Amino acid sequence: MSFDPASLKYDANGLIPCIAQEAATGEILMFAWMNAQSVAETLKTGRVTYWSRSRQSFWIKGESSGHVQRLIELRLDCDRDCLLALVAQEGPACHTNRRSCFYTAIRGGEEVEIMAPMA
């Protein structure tokens, strides 16, 4: 069965959440939004392309930073309203220069930084 990005369930703004996970290790790297066109572009090029809500434009991960996400596999959840992008990440995934955007934990009611920026 061929895949059609229009078959996904988008929110009222035409967006769908996408979680990026390092394919080799299972590490969760980041969360961002996609629309039907960015899903199609990601599948076509193999470079993960997101939709920036603040800029109202597409952004190809690593286009300006060089920290590219190469798509290994795109997965759909059971409700077709969330995506999981298995990627090969070059360098940090977070704009704070950390490997993952999830670098703060809540432990014992306190926020604890668990990951330093990459050198």
PDB file of N, CA and C in Angstrom:
ATOM      1  N   MET A   1       0.853  -1.169   0.000  1.00  0.00           N
ATOM      2  CA  MET A   1       0.000   0.000   0.000  1.00  0.00           C
ATOM      3  C   MET A   1       0.904   1.238   0.000  1.00  0.00           C
ATOM      4  N   SER A   2       0.698   2.139  -0.934  1.00  0.00           N
ATOM      5  CA  SER A   2       1.525   3.349  -0.972  1.00  0.00           C
ATOM      6  C   SER A   2       1.023   4.351   0.068  1.00  0.00           C
ATOM      7  N   PHE A   3       1.954   5.149   0.545  1.00  0.00           N
ATOM      8  CA  PHE A   3       1.661   6.110   1.602  1.00  0.00           C
ATOM      9  C   PHE A   3       1.330   7.472   1.010  1.00  0.00           C
ATOM     10  N   ASP A   4       0.300   8.095   1.554  1.00  0.00           N
ATOM     11  CA  ASP A   4      -0.097   9.446   1.173  1.00  0.00           C
ATOM     12  C   ASP A   4      -0.083  10.316   2.431  1.00  0.00           C
ATOM     13  N   PRO A   5       0.775  11.377   2.486  1.00  0.00           N
ATOM     14  CA  PRO A   5       0.807  12.242   3.669  1.00  0.00           C
ATOM     15  C   PRO A   5      -0.560  12.822   4.049  1.00  0.00           C
ATOM     16  N   ALA A   6      -1.453  12.961   3.085  1.00  0.00           N
ATOM     17  CA  ALA A   6      -2.792  13.492   3.375  1.00  0.00           C
ATOM     18  C   ALA A   6      -3.615  12.527   4.222  1.00  0.00           C
ATOM     19  N   SER A   7      -3.176  11.261   4.320  1.00  0.00           N
ATOM     20  CA  SER A   7      -3.906  10.264   5.109  1.00  0.00           C
ATOM     21  C   SER A   7      -3.672  10.402   6.613  1.00  0.00           C
ATOM     22  N   LEU A   8      -2.729  11.265   6.993  1.00  0.00           N
ATOM     23  CA  LEU A   8      -2.457  11.480   8.416  1.00  0.00           C
ATOM     24  C   LEU A   8      -3.503  12.400   9.023  1.00  0.00           C
ATOM     25  N   LYS A   9      -3.612  12.369  10.347  1.00  0.00           N
ATOM     26  CA  LYS A   9      -4.555  13.234  11.057  1.00  0.00           C
ATOM     27  C   LYS A   9      -3.800  14.452  11.589  1.00  0.00           C
ATOM     28  N   TYR A  10      -4.015  15.582  10.951  1.00  0.00           N
ATOM     29  CA  TYR A  10      -3.370  16.837  11.326  1.00  0.00           C
ATOM     30  C   TYR A  10      -4.287  17.626  12.254  1.00  0.00           C
ATOM     31  N   ASP A  11      -3.702  18.540  13.039  1.00  0.00           N
ATOM     32  CA  ASP A  11      -4.520  19.376  13.915  1.00  0.00           C
ATOM     33  C   ASP A  11      -5.195  20.475  13.095  1.00  0.00           C
ATOM     34  N   ALA A  12      -5.884  21.374  13.772  1.00  0.00           N
ATOM     35  CA  ALA A  12      -6.638  22.433  13.096  1.00  0.00           C
ATOM     36  C   ALA A  12      -5.738  23.363  12.282  1.00  0.00           C
ATOM     37  N   ASN A  13      -4.446  23.395  12.604  1.00  0.00           N
ATOM     38  CA  ASN A  13      -3.490  24.224  11.875  1.00  0.00           C
ATOM     39  C   ASN A  13      -2.772  23.448  10.779  1.00  0.00           C
ATOM     40  N   GLY A  14      -3.201  22.205  10.554  1.00  0.00           N
ATOM     41  CA  GLY A  14      -2.574  21.395   9.518  1.00  0.00           C
ATOM     42  C   GLY A  14      -1.245  20.803   9.933  1.00  0.00           C
ATOM     43  N   LEU A  15      -1.025  20.661  11.238  1.00  0.00           N
ATOM     44  CA  LEU A  15       0.254  20.180  11.761  1.00  0.00           C
ATOM     45  C   LEU A  15       0.112  18.840  12.464  1.00  0.00           C
ATOM     46  N   ILE A  16       1.223  18.108  12.506  1.00  0.00           N
ATOM     47  CA  ILE A  16       1.286  16.830  13.200  1.00  0.00           C
ATOM     48  C   ILE A  16       2.588  16.799  14.002  1.00  0.00           C
ATOM     49  N   PRO A  17       2.548  16.339  15.262  1.00  0.00           N
ATOM     50  CA  PRO A  17       3.780  16.273  16.045  1.00  0.00           C
ATOM     51  C   PRO A  17       4.700  15.163  15.541  1.00  0.00           C
ATOM     52  N   CYS A  18       6.001  15.439  15.629  1.00  0.00           N
ATOM     53  CA  CYS A  18       6.999  14.456  15.216  1.00  0.00           C
ATOM     54  C   CYS A  18       8.101  14.391  16.265  1.00  0.00           C
ATOM     55  N   ILE A  19       8.370  13.204  16.740  1.00  0.00           N
ATOM     56  CA  ILE A  19       9.446  12.955  17.689  1.00  0.00           C
ATOM     57  C   ILE A  19      10.624  12.398  16.900  1.00  0.00           C
ATOM     58  N   ALA A  20      11.811  12.963  17.101  1.00  0.00           N
ATOM     59  CA  ALA A  20      13.020  12.466  16.447  1.00  0.00           C
ATOM     60  C   ALA A  20      13.783  11.599  17.441  1.00  0.00           C
ATOM     61  N   GLN A  21      14.121  10.396  17.002  1.00  0.00           N
ATOM     62  CA  GLN A  21      14.824   9.424  17.840  1.00  0.00           C
ATOM     63  C   GLN A  21      16.045   8.928  17.085  1.00  0.00           C
ATOM     64  N   GLU A  22      17.183   8.859  17.762  1.00  0.00           N
ATOM     65  CA  GLU A  22      18.394   8.320  17.157  1.00  0.00           C
ATOM     66  C   GLU A  22      18.173   6.838  16.880  1.00  0.00           C
ATOM     67  N   ALA A  23      18.244   6.460  15.622  1.00  0.00           N
ATOM     68  CA  ALA A  23      17.959   5.076  15.224  1.00  0.00           C
ATOM     69  C   ALA A  23      18.937   4.084  15.838  1.00  0.00           C
ATOM     70  N   ALA A  24      20.196   4.459  15.945  1.00  0.00           N
ATOM     71  CA  ALA A  24      21.229   3.527  16.426  1.00  0.00           C
ATOM     72  C   ALA A  24      21.133   3.238  17.916  1.00  0.00           C
ATOM     73  N   THR A  25      20.664   4.221  18.707  1.00  0.00           N
ATOM     74  CA  THR A  25      20.701   4.063  20.163  1.00  0.00           C
ATOM     75  C   THR A  25      19.337   4.098  20.834  1.00  0.00           C
ATOM     76  N   GLY A  26      18.320   4.612  20.145  1.00  0.00           N
ATOM     77  CA  GLY A  26      17.009   4.768  20.760  1.00  0.00           C
ATOM     78  C   GLY A  26      16.855   6.061  21.544  1.00  0.00           C
ATOM     79  N   GLU A  27      17.900   6.881  21.587  1.00  0.00           N
ATOM     80  CA  GLU A  27      17.852   8.139  22.330  1.00  0.00           C
ATOM     81  C   GLU A  27      16.840   9.100  21.699  1.00  0.00           C
ATOM     82  N   ILE A  28      15.964   9.678  22.528  1.00  0.00           N
ATOM     83  CA  ILE A  28      15.020  10.688  22.063  1.00  0.00           C
ATOM     84  C   ILE A  28      15.782  11.999  21.938  1.00  0.00           C
ATOM     85  N   LEU A  29      15.717  12.602  20.762  1.00  0.00           N
ATOM     86  CA  LEU A  29      16.500  13.801  20.490  1.00  0.00           C
ATOM     87  C   LEU A  29      15.701  15.090  20.594  1.00  0.00           C
ATOM     88  N   MET A  30      14.517  15.106  20.004  1.00  0.00           N
ATOM     89  CA  MET A  30      13.764  16.354  19.962  1.00  0.00           C
ATOM     90  C   MET A  30      12.321  16.103  19.532  1.00  0.00           C
ATOM     91  N   PHE A  31      11.541  17.159  19.608  1.00  0.00           N
ATOM     92  CA  PHE A  31      10.152  17.171  19.167  1.00  0.00           C
ATOM     93  C   PHE A  31       9.978  18.403  18.288  1.00  0.00           C
ATOM     94  N   ALA A  32       9.245  18.263  17.203  1.00  0.00           N
ATOM     95  CA  ALA A  32       8.928  19.407  16.348  1.00  0.00           C
ATOM     96  C   ALA A  32       7.652  19.094  15.580  1.00  0.00           C
ATOM     97  N   TRP A  33       7.212  20.049  14.782  1.00  0.00           N
ATOM     98  CA  TRP A  33       5.974  19.914  14.024  1.00  0.00           C
ATOM     99  C   TRP A  33       6.271  19.704  12.545  1.00  0.00           C
ATOM    100  N   MET A  34       5.379  18.992  11.895  1.00  0.00           N
ATOM    101  CA  MET A  34       5.429  18.815  10.449  1.00  0.00           C
ATOM    102  C   MET A  34       4.047  19.113   9.888  1.00  0.00           C
ATOM    103  N   ASN A  35       4.003  19.398   8.588  1.00  0.00           N
ATOM    104  CA  ASN A  35       2.730  19.447   7.877  1.00  0.00           C
ATOM    105  C   ASN A  35       2.840  18.466   6.709  1.00  0.00           C
ATOM    106  N   ALA A  36       1.816  18.338   5.918  1.00  0.00           N
ATOM    107  CA  ALA A  36       1.820  17.342   4.844  1.00  0.00           C
ATOM    108  C   ALA A  36       2.982  17.553   3.885  1.00  0.00           C
ATOM    109  N   GLN A  37       3.299  18.802   3.592  1.00  0.00           N
ATOM    110  CA  GLN A  37       4.386  19.080   2.653  1.00  0.00           C
ATOM    111  C   GLN A  37       5.747  18.735   3.254  1.00  0.00           C
ATOM    112  N   SER A  38       5.958  19.009   4.546  1.00  0.00           N
ATOM    113  CA  SER A  38       7.245  18.675   5.157  1.00  0.00           C
ATOM    114  C   SER A  38       7.407  17.161   5.305  1.00  0.00           C
ATOM    115  N   VAL A  39       6.306  16.454   5.547  1.00  0.00           N
ATOM    116  CA  VAL A  39       6.357  14.988   5.571  1.00  0.00           C
ATOM    117  C   VAL A  39       6.780  14.473   4.197  1.00  0.00           C
ATOM    118  N   ALA A  40       6.138  14.985   3.151  1.00  0.00           N
ATOM    119  CA  ALA A  40       6.463  14.552   1.789  1.00  0.00           C
ATOM    120  C   ALA A  40       7.910  14.876   1.436  1.00  0.00           C
ATOM    121  N   GLU A  41       8.377  16.057   1.810  1.00  0.00           N
ATOM    122  CA  GLU A  41       9.753  16.470   1.506  1.00  0.00           C
ATOM    123  C   GLU A  41      10.764  15.601   2.258  1.00  0.00           C
ATOM    124  N   THR A  42      10.458  15.284   3.507  1.00  0.00           N
ATOM    125  CA  THR A  42      11.322  14.410   4.302  1.00  0.00           C
ATOM    126  C   THR A  42      11.458  13.049   3.631  1.00  0.00           C
ATOM    127  N   LEU A  43      10.343  12.487   3.198  1.00  0.00           N
ATOM    128  CA  LEU A  43      10.365  11.179   2.549  1.00  0.00           C
ATOM    129  C   LEU A  43      11.080  11.230   1.196  1.00  0.00           C
ATOM    130  N   LYS A  44      10.923  12.332   0.495  1.00  0.00           N
ATOM    131  CA  LYS A  44      11.538  12.477  -0.830  1.00  0.00           C
ATOM    132  C   LYS A  44      13.058  12.644  -0.746  1.00  0.00           C
ATOM    133  N   THR A  45      13.521  13.467   0.205  1.00  0.00           N
ATOM    134  CA  THR A  45      14.941  13.828   0.260  1.00  0.00           C
ATOM    135  C   THR A  45      15.757  13.012   1.256  1.00  0.00           C
ATOM    136  N   GLY A  46      15.091  12.455   2.268  1.00  0.00           N
ATOM    137  CA  GLY A  46      15.817  11.760   3.326  1.00  0.00           C
ATOM    138  C   GLY A  46      16.415  12.695   4.355  1.00  0.00           C
ATOM    139  N   ARG A  47      16.212  14.008   4.184  1.00  0.00           N
ATOM    140  CA  ARG A  47      16.646  15.003   5.173  1.00  0.00           C
ATOM    141  C   ARG A  47      15.399  15.473   5.905  1.00  0.00           C
ATOM    142  N   VAL A  48      15.411  15.369   7.232  1.00  0.00           N
ATOM    143  CA  VAL A  48      14.200  15.655   8.001  1.00  0.00           C
ATOM    144  C   VAL A  48      13.875  17.147   7.915  1.00  0.00           C
ATOM    145  N   THR A  49      12.655  17.416   7.484  1.00  0.00           N
ATOM    146  CA  THR A  49      12.167  18.771   7.267  1.00  0.00           C
ATOM    147  C   THR A  49      10.968  19.011   8.169  1.00  0.00           C
ATOM    148  N   TYR A  50      11.034  20.093   8.938  1.00  0.00           N
ATOM    149  CA  TYR A  50       9.969  20.431   9.879  1.00  0.00           C
ATOM    150  C   TYR A  50       9.290  21.721   9.446  1.00  0.00           C
ATOM    151  N   TRP A  51       8.176  22.044  10.144  1.00  0.00           N
ATOM    152  CA  TRP A  51       7.482  23.304   9.948  1.00  0.00           C
ATOM    153  C   TRP A  51       7.678  24.150  11.197  1.00  0.00           C
ATOM    154  N   SER A  52       8.216  25.343  11.023  1.00  0.00           N
ATOM    155  CA  SER A  52       8.421  26.269  12.138  1.00  0.00           C
ATOM    156  C   SER A  52       7.152  27.093  12.340  1.00  0.00           C
ATOM    157  N   ARG A  53       6.519  26.921  13.477  1.00  0.00           N
ATOM    158  CA  ARG A  53       5.308  27.690  13.769  1.00  0.00           C
ATOM    159  C   ARG A  53       5.633  29.161  13.980  1.00  0.00           C
ATOM    160  N   SER A  54       6.777  29.466  14.588  1.00  0.00           N
ATOM    161  CA  SER A  54       7.128  30.862  14.863  1.00  0.00           C
ATOM    162  C   SER A  54       7.504  31.615  13.590  1.00  0.00           C
ATOM    163  N   ARG A  55       8.228  30.961  12.682  1.00  0.00           N
ATOM    164  CA  ARG A  55       8.644  31.613  11.432  1.00  0.00           C
ATOM    165  C   ARG A  55       7.658  31.388  10.291  1.00  0.00           C
ATOM    166  N   GLN A  56       6.726  30.447  10.501  1.00  0.00           N
ATOM    167  CA  GLN A  56       5.768  30.084   9.448  1.00  0.00           C
ATOM    168  C   GLN A  56       6.502  29.697   8.159  1.00  0.00           C
ATOM    169  N   SER A  57       7.505  28.819   8.331  1.00  0.00           N
ATOM    170  CA  SER A  57       8.273  28.369   7.177  1.00  0.00           C
ATOM    171  C   SER A  57       8.885  26.999   7.473  1.00  0.00           C
ATOM    172  N   PHE A  58       9.362  26.359   6.415  1.00  0.00           N
ATOM    173  CA  PHE A  58      10.012  25.064   6.562  1.00  0.00           C
ATOM    174  C   PHE A  58      11.434  25.251   7.079  1.00  0.00           C
ATOM    175  N   TRP A  59      11.913  24.263   7.802  1.00  0.00           N
ATOM    176  CA  TRP A  59      13.333  24.236   8.164  1.00  0.00           C
ATOM    177  C   TRP A  59      13.833  22.808   8.060  1.00  0.00           C
ATOM    178  N   ILE A  60      14.886  22.664   7.316  1.00  0.00           N
ATOM    179  CA  ILE A  60      15.537  21.367   7.163  1.00  0.00           C
ATOM    180  C   ILE A  60      16.552  21.265   8.283  1.00  0.00           C
ATOM    181  N   LYS A  61      16.396  20.261   9.116  1.00  0.00           N
ATOM    182  CA  LYS A  61      17.276  20.126  10.282  1.00  0.00           C
ATOM    183  C   LYS A  61      18.724  20.075   9.818  1.00  0.00           C
ATOM    184  N   GLY A  62      19.530  20.983  10.335  1.00  0.00           N
ATOM    185  CA  GLY A  62      20.946  21.042  10.013  1.00  0.00           C
ATOM    186  C   GLY A  62      21.292  21.943   8.854  1.00  0.00           C
ATOM    187  N   GLU A  63      20.281  22.553   8.234  1.00  0.00           N
ATOM    188  CA  GLU A  63      20.521  23.402   7.071  1.00  0.00           C
ATOM    189  C   GLU A  63      21.480  24.549   7.383  1.00  0.00           C
ATOM    190  N   SER A  64      21.318  25.178   8.539  1.00  0.00           N
ATOM    191  CA  SER A  64      22.223  26.277   8.898  1.00  0.00           C
ATOM    192  C   SER A  64      23.311  25.845   9.879  1.00  0.00           C
ATOM    193  N   SER A  65      23.021  24.873  10.739  1.00  0.00           N
ATOM    194  CA  SER A  65      23.990  24.458  11.768  1.00  0.00           C
ATOM    195  C   SER A  65      24.946  23.371  11.301  1.00  0.00           C
ATOM    196  N   GLY A  66      24.533  22.630  10.275  1.00  0.00           N
ATOM    197  CA  GLY A  66      25.334  21.482   9.854  1.00  0.00           C
ATOM    198  C   GLY A  66      25.031  20.219  10.640  1.00  0.00           C
ATOM    199  N   HIS A  67      24.130  20.308  11.612  1.00  0.00           N
ATOM    200  CA  HIS A  67      23.767  19.173  12.463  1.00  0.00           C
ATOM    201  C   HIS A  67      22.572  18.442  11.849  1.00  0.00           C
ATOM    202  N   VAL A  68      22.842  17.754  10.780  1.00  0.00           N
ATOM    203  CA  VAL A  68      21.838  17.144   9.924  1.00  0.00           C
ATOM    204  C   VAL A  68      21.170  15.939  10.578  1.00  0.00           C
ATOM    205  N   GLN A  69      19.874  15.786  10.293  1.00  0.00           N
ATOM    206  CA  GLN A  69      19.150  14.560  10.633  1.00  0.00           C
ATOM    207  C   GLN A  69      18.848  13.837   9.328  1.00  0.00           C
ATOM    208  N   ARG A  70      19.448  12.668   9.163  1.00  0.00           N
ATOM    209  CA  ARG A  70      19.179  11.846   7.985  1.00  0.00           C
ATOM    210  C   ARG A  70      18.119  10.822   8.370  1.00  0.00           C
ATOM    211  N   LEU A  71      17.043  10.774   7.614  1.00  0.00           N
ATOM    212  CA  LEU A  71      15.932   9.875   7.916  1.00  0.00           C
ATOM    213  C   LEU A  71      16.328   8.419   7.661  1.00  0.00           C
ATOM    214  N   ILE A  72      16.108   7.580   8.657  1.00  0.00           N
ATOM    215  CA  ILE A  72      16.279   6.136   8.513  1.00  0.00           C
ATOM    216  C   ILE A  72      14.916   5.508   8.233  1.00  0.00           C
ATOM    217  N   GLU A  73      13.920   5.921   9.042  1.00  0.00           N
ATOM    218  CA  GLU A  73      12.567   5.389   8.871  1.00  0.00           C
ATOM    219  C   GLU A  73      11.581   6.350   9.509  1.00  0.00           C
ATOM    220  N   LEU A  74      10.421   6.509   8.886  1.00  0.00           N
ATOM    221  CA  LEU A  74       9.350   7.313   9.461  1.00  0.00           C
ATOM    222  C   LEU A  74       8.235   6.369   9.880  1.00  0.00           C
ATOM    223  N   ARG A  75       7.813   6.485  11.135  1.00  0.00           N
ATOM    224  CA  ARG A  75       6.759   5.622  11.661  1.00  0.00           C
ATOM    225  C   ARG A  75       5.549   6.447  12.064  1.00  0.00           C
ATOM    226  N   LEU A  76       4.380   5.814  11.955  1.00  0.00           N
ATOM    227  CA  LEU A  76       3.104   6.426  12.331  1.00  0.00           C
ATOM    228  C   LEU A  76       2.597   5.755  13.593  1.00  0.00           C
ATOM    229  N   ASP A  77       1.952   6.519  14.451  1.00  0.00           N
ATOM    230  CA  ASP A  77       1.333   5.869  15.604  1.00  0.00           C
ATOM    231  C   ASP A  77      -0.016   5.281  15.188  1.00  0.00           C
ATOM    232  N   CYS A  78      -0.628   4.544  16.100  1.00  0.00           N
ATOM    233  CA  CYS A  78      -1.850   3.801  15.799  1.00  0.00           C
ATOM    234  C   CYS A  78      -3.017   4.688  15.389  1.00  0.00           C
ATOM    235  N   ASP A  79      -3.048   5.925  15.874  1.00  0.00           N
ATOM    236  CA  ASP A  79      -4.126   6.853  15.529  1.00  0.00           C
ATOM    237  C   ASP A  79      -3.797   7.721  14.316  1.00  0.00           C
ATOM    238  N   ARG A  80      -2.575   7.586  13.792  1.00  0.00           N
ATOM    239  CA  ARG A  80      -2.095   8.360  12.640  1.00  0.00           C
ATOM    240  C   ARG A  80      -2.052   9.858  12.923  1.00  0.00           C
ATOM    241  N   ASP A  81      -1.880  10.224  14.232  1.00  0.00           N
ATOM    242  CA  ASP A  81      -1.832  11.639  14.576  1.00  0.00           C
ATOM    243  C   ASP A  81      -0.518  12.054  15.235  1.00  0.00           C
ATOM    244  N   CYS A  82       0.499  11.198  15.128  1.00  0.00           N
ATOM    245  CA  CYS A  82       1.821  11.492  15.662  1.00  0.00           C
ATOM    246  C   CYS A  82       2.839  10.675  14.866  1.00  0.00           C
ATOM    247  N   LEU A  83       3.999  11.273  14.632  1.00  0.00           N
ATOM    248  CA  LEU A  83       5.055  10.609  13.871  1.00  0.00           C
ATOM    249  C   LEU A  83       6.278  10.373  14.739  1.00  0.00           C
ATOM    250  N   LEU A  84       7.015   9.330  14.399  1.00  0.00           N
ATOM    251  CA  LEU A  84       8.303   9.031  15.006  1.00  0.00           C
ATOM    252  C   LEU A  84       9.303   8.936  13.872  1.00  0.00           C
ATOM    253  N   ALA A  85      10.268   9.851  13.868  1.00  0.00           N
ATOM    254  CA  ALA A  85      11.304   9.836  12.851  1.00  0.00           C
ATOM    255  C   ALA A  85      12.551   9.176  13.440  1.00  0.00           C
ATOM    256  N   LEU A  86      12.899   8.011  12.931  1.00  0.00           N
ATOM    257  CA  LEU A  86      14.152   7.370  13.315  1.00  0.00           C
ATOM    258  C   LEU A  86      15.222   7.978  12.428  1.00  0.00           C
ATOM    259  N   VAL A  87      16.230   8.568  13.053  1.00  0.00           N
ATOM    260  CA  VAL A  87      17.206   9.365  12.312  1.00  0.00           C
ATOM    261  C   VAL A  87      18.636   8.977  12.664  1.00  0.00           C
ATOM    262  N   ALA A  88      19.546   9.373  11.791  1.00  0.00           N
ATOM    263  CA  ALA A  88      20.969   9.389  12.094  1.00  0.00           C
ATOM    264  C   ALA A  88      21.311  10.858  12.285  1.00  0.00           C
ATOM    265  N   GLN A  89      21.624  11.227  13.507  1.00  0.00           N
ATOM    266  CA  GLN A  89      21.873  12.622  13.871  1.00  0.00           C
ATOM    267  C   GLN A  89      23.363  12.911  13.820  1.00  0.00           C
ATOM    268  N   GLU A  90      23.732  13.962  13.103  1.00  0.00           N
ATOM    269  CA  GLU A  90      25.114  14.429  13.075  1.00  0.00           C
ATOM    270  C   GLU A  90      25.249  15.584  14.045  1.00  0.00           C
ATOM    271  N   GLY A  91      26.031  15.405  15.111  1.00  0.00           N
ATOM    272  CA  GLY A  91      26.216  16.468  16.098  1.00  0.00           C
ATOM    273  C   GLY A  91      25.003  16.628  16.986  1.00  0.00           C
ATOM    274  N   PRO A  92      24.915  17.783  17.672  1.00  0.00           N
ATOM    275  CA  PRO A  92      23.795  18.020  18.584  1.00  0.00           C
ATOM    276  C   PRO A  92      22.484  18.200  17.841  1.00  0.00           C
ATOM    277  N   ALA A  93      21.399  17.766  18.462  1.00  0.00           N
ATOM    278  CA  ALA A  93      20.068  17.958  17.893  1.00  0.00           C
ATOM    279  C   ALA A  93      19.424  19.243  18.411  1.00  0.00           C
ATOM    280  N   CYS A  94      19.836  19.677  19.591  1.00  0.00           N
ATOM    281  CA  CYS A  94      19.223  20.842  20.241  1.00  0.00           C
ATOM    282  C   CYS A  94      19.939  22.131  19.864  1.00  0.00           C
ATOM    283  N   HIS A  95      19.166  23.216  19.757  1.00  0.00           N
ATOM    284  CA  HIS A  95      19.763  24.517  19.450  1.00  0.00           C
ATOM    285  C   HIS A  95      20.656  25.027  20.573  1.00  0.00           C
ATOM    286  N   THR A  96      20.600  24.373  21.758  1.00  0.00           N
ATOM    287  CA  THR A  96      21.473  24.750  22.872  1.00  0.00           C
ATOM    288  C   THR A  96      22.818  24.021  22.795  1.00  0.00           C
ATOM    289  N   ASN A  97      23.057  23.330  21.695  1.00  0.00           N
ATOM    290  CA  ASN A  97      24.283  22.574  21.431  1.00  0.00           C
ATOM    291  C   ASN A  97      24.389  21.312  22.287  1.00  0.00           C
ATOM    292  N   ARG A  98      23.246  20.786  22.707  1.00  0.00           N
ATOM    293  CA  ARG A  98      23.210  19.521  23.425  1.00  0.00           C
ATOM    294  C   ARG A  98      22.754  18.421  22.476  1.00  0.00           C
ATOM    295  N   ARG A  99      23.122  17.218  22.788  1.00  0.00           N
ATOM    296  CA  ARG A  99      22.751  16.080  21.958  1.00  0.00           C
ATOM    297  C   ARG A  99      21.237  15.958  21.826  1.00  0.00           C
ATOM    298  N   SER A 100      20.513  16.216  22.916  1.00  0.00           N
ATOM    299  CA  SER A 100      19.060  16.087  22.969  1.00  0.00           C
ATOM    300  C   SER A 100      18.450  17.344  23.554  1.00  0.00           C
ATOM    301  N   CYS A 101      17.241  17.658  23.133  1.00  0.00           N
ATOM    302  CA  CYS A 101      16.501  18.774  23.735  1.00  0.00           C
ATOM    303  C   CYS A 101      16.011  18.427  25.141  1.00  0.00           C
ATOM    304  N   PHE A 102      16.018  17.149  25.476  1.00  0.00           N
ATOM    305  CA  PHE A 102      15.516  16.687  26.777  1.00  0.00           C
ATOM    306  C   PHE A 102      16.685  16.543  27.752  1.00  0.00           C
ATOM    307  N   TYR A 103      17.267  17.682  28.122  1.00  0.00           N
ATOM    308  CA  TYR A 103      18.456  17.690  28.973  1.00  0.00           C
ATOM    309  C   TYR A 103      18.169  18.131  30.408  1.00  0.00           C
ATOM    310  N   THR A 104      16.896  18.314  30.741  1.00  0.00           N
ATOM    311  CA  THR A 104      16.510  18.684  32.104  1.00  0.00           C
ATOM    312  C   THR A 104      15.574  17.624  32.660  1.00  0.00           C
ATOM    313  N   ALA A 105      15.910  17.122  33.835  1.00  0.00           N
ATOM    314  CA  ALA A 105      15.071  16.130  34.521  1.00  0.00           C
ATOM    315  C   ALA A 105      14.469  16.774  35.762  1.00  0.00           C
ATOM    316  N   ILE A 106      13.344  16.253  36.188  1.00  0.00           N
ATOM    317  CA  ILE A 106      12.753  16.675  37.455  1.00  0.00           C
ATOM    318  C   ILE A 106      12.987  15.526  38.429  1.00  0.00           C
ATOM    319  N   ARG A 107      13.821  15.778  39.399  1.00  0.00           N
ATOM    320  CA  ARG A 107      14.201  14.760  40.386  1.00  0.00           C
ATOM    321  C   ARG A 107      13.976  15.305  41.788  1.00  0.00           C
ATOM    322  N   GLY A 108      13.154  14.604  42.540  1.00  0.00           N
ATOM    323  CA  GLY A 108      12.850  15.057  43.895  1.00  0.00           C
ATOM    324  C   GLY A 108      12.229  16.440  43.915  1.00  0.00           C
ATOM    325  N   GLY A 109      11.449  16.764  42.884  1.00  0.00           N
ATOM    326  CA  GLY A 109      10.785  18.063  42.820  1.00  0.00           C
ATOM    327  C   GLY A 109      11.679  19.190  42.322  1.00  0.00           C
ATOM    328  N   GLU A 110      12.909  18.894  41.964  1.00  0.00           N
ATOM    329  CA  GLU A 110      13.848  19.909  41.500  1.00  0.00           C
ATOM    330  C   GLU A 110      14.248  19.661  40.048  1.00  0.00           C
ATOM    331  N   GLU A 111      14.479  20.744  39.316  1.00  0.00           N
ATOM    332  CA  GLU A 111      15.004  20.621  37.958  1.00  0.00           C
ATOM    333  C   GLU A 111      16.503  20.387  38.023  1.00  0.00           C
ATOM    334  N   VAL A 112      16.961  19.377  37.287  1.00  0.00           N
ATOM    335  CA  VAL A 112      18.380  19.026  37.281  1.00  0.00           C
ATOM    336  C   VAL A 112      18.838  18.911  35.831  1.00  0.00           C
ATOM    337  N   GLU A 113      19.891  19.647  35.499  1.00  0.00           N
ATOM    338  CA  GLU A 113      20.472  19.553  34.164  1.00  0.00           C
ATOM    339  C   GLU A 113      21.276  18.253  34.096  1.00  0.00           C
ATOM    340  N   ILE A 114      20.891  17.380  33.176  1.00  0.00           N
ATOM    341  CA  ILE A 114      21.522  16.060  33.104  1.00  0.00           C
ATOM    342  C   ILE A 114      22.429  15.896  31.881  1.00  0.00           C
ATOM    343  N   MET A 115      22.542  16.960  31.086  1.00  0.00           N
ATOM    344  CA  MET A 115      23.341  16.871  29.871  1.00  0.00           C
ATOM    345  C   MET A 115      23.963  18.238  29.589  1.00  0.00           C
ATOM    346  N   ALA A 116      25.268  18.264  29.486  1.00  0.00           N
ATOM    347  CA  ALA A 116      25.965  19.516  29.190  1.00  0.00           C
ATOM    348  C   ALA A 116      26.027  19.728  27.677  1.00  0.00           C
ATOM    349  N   PRO A 117      26.236  20.980  27.250  1.00  0.00           N
ATOM    350  CA  PRO A 117      26.434  21.219  25.819  1.00  0.00           C
ATOM    351  C   PRO A 117      27.646  20.428  25.314  1.00  0.00           C
ATOM    352  N   MET A 118      27.582  20.075  24.035  1.00  0.00           N
ATOM    353  CA  MET A 118      28.685  19.349  23.411  1.00  0.00           C
ATOM    354  C   MET A 118      29.847  20.316  23.174  1.00  0.00           C
ATOM    355  N   ALA A 119      31.032  19.816  23.277  1.00  0.00           N
ATOM    356  CA  ALA A 119      32.229  20.665  23.099  1.00  0.00           C
ATOM    357  C   ALA A 119      32.441  20.996  21.639  1.00  0.00           C
TER     358      ALA A 119
END
